[in-house]
Amino acid sequence: MNGSSFIKHGRDMLEYITKYLSTTEERPVYPHVKPGYLRELVPEEAPDHPDTWQSIMKDVEDQIMPGVTHWQHRRFHAYFPAGNSYPSILADMLSDAIGSVGFSWAANPAGTELEMIVVDWLAKMMKLPKHFMFSTKGSQGGGVIQGSASECTLVCLLAARDKAIKNLQVQYPDEDRAILLSKLVGYCSKQAHSSVEKAAMIGFVKLRQLQTDENYALRGSTLLEAMKNDEEKGLVPFFVAGTIGTTSVCSCDNIEELGKVCSERDVWLHCDGAYAGNSLICPEFSYLSKGFQFLDSFNFNPNKWMMVNFDCSVMWVRQKELLINAMNVDPLYLTFDKKEKSIDYRHWTIPLSRRFRSLKIWFVIRSYGVQGLQNYIRKHVQLAKMFASLISTDDRFEILGQVRFGLVCFRLLGENKLSEELITRINDSRMLHLTPSRLNDKFIVRLAICHPNANEDDIKYAWKTIKDTADVVLNQLTNVDEETNAPLTQDLINRIRNFSLIARVPSLPPYANTCRYFSPSVQRRLYTRRVTIS
């Protein structure tokens, strides 16, 4: 493909993308395929000779698209939003064309410096503590763009681990590093993302997953008790991962309480705000940052709720040297003569090679402005509250957790199997795509507002689909319940009557004391038949 054919096919691709994004609702939100479907369609061997562009695009439509879960679909309410916008797509095109591998300032000066600028922009938009900003005079901190929140948590844990071990080596200079490592223990709530557990596994450190309060938040008193217990065992607390907007229910840990505990013990406090952290650009959510002055690191994902496409996770640290010291590997072939005057981002991340991600943040912020991004978040919050109000009109459902962001967690009252059947039927129908979770012993259904242009009609459609499916689920299980319990009902009545006779106690009243032991469907049958025990 040469320049002229690139222009032609590039126009075709732009038209294809635009049509795809504007007509996703014509496709099933979740594919009708089974694992291994694509291997039956794609040749076993790569082609020896070039294919035509038309042939490639035909296979995209015939082979790839039937197996795609459409995250930009109006009926997609699973997980969290996958941010997207035309400016972000265009910025990624430019980044791909530049094709730089920006591991250092010398490898791409504009890439390094634009990254430093946009992370400061974001920090100011979110009113983060000034010690996180490059532009703050005398600041020892700064920000970096990682690929995902999982990477952010991992590198912060590794930095905290390196700091803790060096401190222990001062106290125990003759102790083996592996022994010191075995003493370290980190903490998070049971609602924290699984990436915290994975980071602890990679870092070879112990992790305590602590119980939360009635709002599914980790509290300082719980953390303090766990730390004291571990200290009595000779262990050394070194890292705490708090969360603003947990995956299951979007709960928020009490960062201020956690921060006070960590500050007293010189323990690294990290906060993961992958999804809900985006809301900090709205002044009405500024209360979420209470206690942020205690944070050693913080991250959030613009690719979730700020119209920037994946991958893009921004992370800040209070003391960049602690991170750099933990990650620094400096071979001669990567050095350059101005490194003392610049940031070398290869020491901030696991990968050496880095994409020009700052371009898409820059494009998006300039294209929409801070107010445009704020309105986007507020619209999603408004729609989530609308959906929650619709659920509240139906006493067959309950809402779990606070509805503060763009996520609503709910379930059918009763046994977990009701909600399990509900979400299975909905997802199988492809009328919506939802994901479940579990809060303590309760199976819940999560509905996230995901579409960039979601509106009230989408919410009304989702609620009607859920309500109609609930009718089917409850009616079917009621019928099964009646068939299953009918013989058992008379048998149990006979036992109660016999027990009354043997014990020579007055017979039980006909309904109030007997029917209440049975399921609602059986209660109705007993009431209709006026069953009595005598």
Foldseek 3Di string as FASTA:
>chain_A
DDDVVCVVVVVVVVVVVVVCLVPVQVDQLAAPDDPPPLVVVDDPDDDPDDDDPVVVVVCCVVRVVNHDNHLQHLQEFAQFFQFADPLQVVLVVVLVVVVFFQQFCVSPVVLQVLQLVLLQVVCVLLVFDPLQHPPDPPRQKYKGKDQAVLQVLLLLVLLLLVVQLVVVCVVVVPDDSVVLQAQEEEEEAPLADCSNVVSCVVSVHHYDHWYADQQRAAALVRVLVVQVVSVVVVHAYAEYEFEQQGRAFRGGYPLQSNLVSCVVRVHAYEYEHAAVSLLSSPVVCSVSCVNSVSHQKYKYACSRQQNNGGGIMMMMGSHVVSSLVSQDDDDPVPDDDCRVVGDRCCSNGDDSTDTSSSSSSVSSCVVQPSVSSNVLFVQLLVLQVVLVVLQVVDVQKDWGHDSRGNKTKMAGPDDQVLRVQLQVVLVVVSLHHWDWDDDPHHIIIMGGSHHSPHDNVSSVSVSVSSVVSSVVSVVVVLVVQCVVCVVVLVVVLVVLLVVCVVVVHDFDAQQDVRLVVGDPSVSVVSVVVSDGRD
